Amino acid sequence: MSPVARYLAAMNDSSPARQDKFRRYRARKKAKGLRELRLWVPDVDAPGFQERLDREIAAINISEDNAEVMKWCEAAAAEVWNDRD
């Protein structure tokens, strides 16, 4: 059995012991000043993903605001990463 199969099987385990394990885990993280955040992101392996991405990139590239948007994105990224020139 592959690790992925074991992981997927364990995802459906809603036993009280498993719930308690994760409750303790979350409590430890919260005590350290962290909070849980779940993100849903695009599945890059999904059928049609690349075509949709290509369409959206093409739309950005032909946009009249492309240069202004790119300048803003680069400034925002530089601010986040603190690497302005």
Protein backbone atom coordinates (compact mmCIF):
# COMPACT_ATOMS: atom_id res chain seq x y z
CA MET A 1 0.00 0.00 0.00
CA SER A 2 1.41 3.41 -0.91
CA PRO A 3 1.78 6.20 1.69
CA VAL A 4 -0.90 8.18 -0.12
CA ALA A 5 -3.40 5.34 0.25
CA ARG A 6 -2.68 5.07 3.98
CA TYR A 7 -3.05 8.83 4.34
CA LEU A 8 -6.36 8.87 2.51
CA ALA A 9 -7.66 5.98 4.61
CA ALA A 10 -6.63 7.79 7.79
CA MET A 11 -8.47 10.94 6.69
CA ASN A 12 -11.78 9.21 7.32
CA ASP A 13 -10.79 8.13 10.84
CA SER A 14 -13.06 10.13 13.13
CA SER A 15 -12.39 8.07 16.22
CA PRO A 16 -12.35 9.89 19.58
CA ALA A 17 -8.64 9.04 20.03
CA ARG A 18 -7.74 10.70 16.74
CA GLN A 19 -9.94 13.71 17.50
CA ASP A 20 -8.24 14.08 20.88
CA LYS A 21 -4.80 13.82 19.27
CA PHE A 22 -5.58 16.71 16.93
CA ARG A 23 -7.27 18.72 19.68
CA ARG A 24 -4.03 18.50 21.72
CA TYR A 25 -1.94 19.34 18.64
CA ARG A 26 -4.04 22.43 17.91
CA ALA A 27 -3.88 23.50 21.57
CA ARG A 28 -0.06 23.27 21.52
CA LYS A 29 0.11 25.37 18.36
CA LYS A 30 -2.34 27.93 19.75
CA ALA A 31 -0.30 28.17 22.97
CA LYS A 32 2.70 29.09 20.78
CA GLY A 33 0.73 32.00 19.35
CA LEU A 34 -0.22 30.32 16.08
CA ARG A 35 -3.61 29.86 14.50
CA GLU A 36 -4.86 27.32 12.03
CA LEU A 37 -5.39 28.44 8.47
CA ARG A 38 -6.72 26.19 5.73
CA LEU A 39 -6.21 27.15 2.13
CA TRP A 40 -7.88 25.81 -0.96
CA VAL A 41 -5.68 26.31 -3.97
CA PRO A 42 -6.14 25.43 -7.64
CA ASP A 43 -5.35 21.83 -8.51
CA VAL A 44 -2.62 22.16 -11.12
CA ASP A 45 -3.24 18.55 -12.20
CA ALA A 46 -6.95 19.12 -12.87
CA PRO A 47 -8.13 18.76 -16.46
CA GLY A 48 -8.33 22.17 -18.13
CA PHE A 49 -6.14 23.93 -15.57
CA GLN A 50 -3.32 24.75 -18.00
CA GLU A 51 -5.76 26.00 -20.66
CA ARG A 52 -7.48 28.27 -18.13
CA LEU A 53 -4.11 29.56 -16.93
CA ASP A 54 -3.00 30.24 -20.49
CA ARG A 55 -6.23 32.18 -21.20
CA GLU A 56 -5.84 34.28 -18.06
CA ILE A 57 -2.18 35.05 -18.79
CA ALA A 58 -3.06 36.04 -22.35
CA ALA A 59 -5.81 38.34 -21.05
CA ILE A 60 -3.34 40.01 -18.69
CA ASN A 61 -0.74 40.38 -21.42
CA ILE A 62 -3.11 42.13 -23.83
CA SER A 63 -4.56 44.37 -21.13
CA GLU A 64 -3.81 48.07 -21.42
CA ASP A 65 -3.14 48.12 -17.68
CA ASN A 66 -0.56 45.32 -17.86
CA ALA A 67 2.47 47.52 -17.16
CA GLU A 68 0.74 49.29 -14.27
CA VAL A 69 -0.44 46.02 -12.75
CA MET A 70 3.01 44.45 -13.04
CA LYS A 71 4.60 47.52 -11.43
CA TRP A 72 2.13 47.25 -8.54
CA CYS A 73 2.75 43.49 -8.15
CA GLU A 74 6.51 43.98 -8.10
CA ALA A 75 6.23 46.79 -5.53
CA ALA A 76 3.95 44.68 -3.33
CA ALA A 77 6.29 41.69 -3.56
CA ALA A 78 9.30 43.85 -2.74
CA GLU A 79 7.48 45.26 0.29
CA VAL A 80 6.60 41.80 1.54
CA TRP A 81 10.11 40.48 1.01
CA ASN A 82 11.83 43.69 2.12
CA ASP A 83 14.18 43.76 -0.83
CA ARG A 84 13.51 47.09 -2.48
CA ASP A 85 16.43 48.49 -4.41
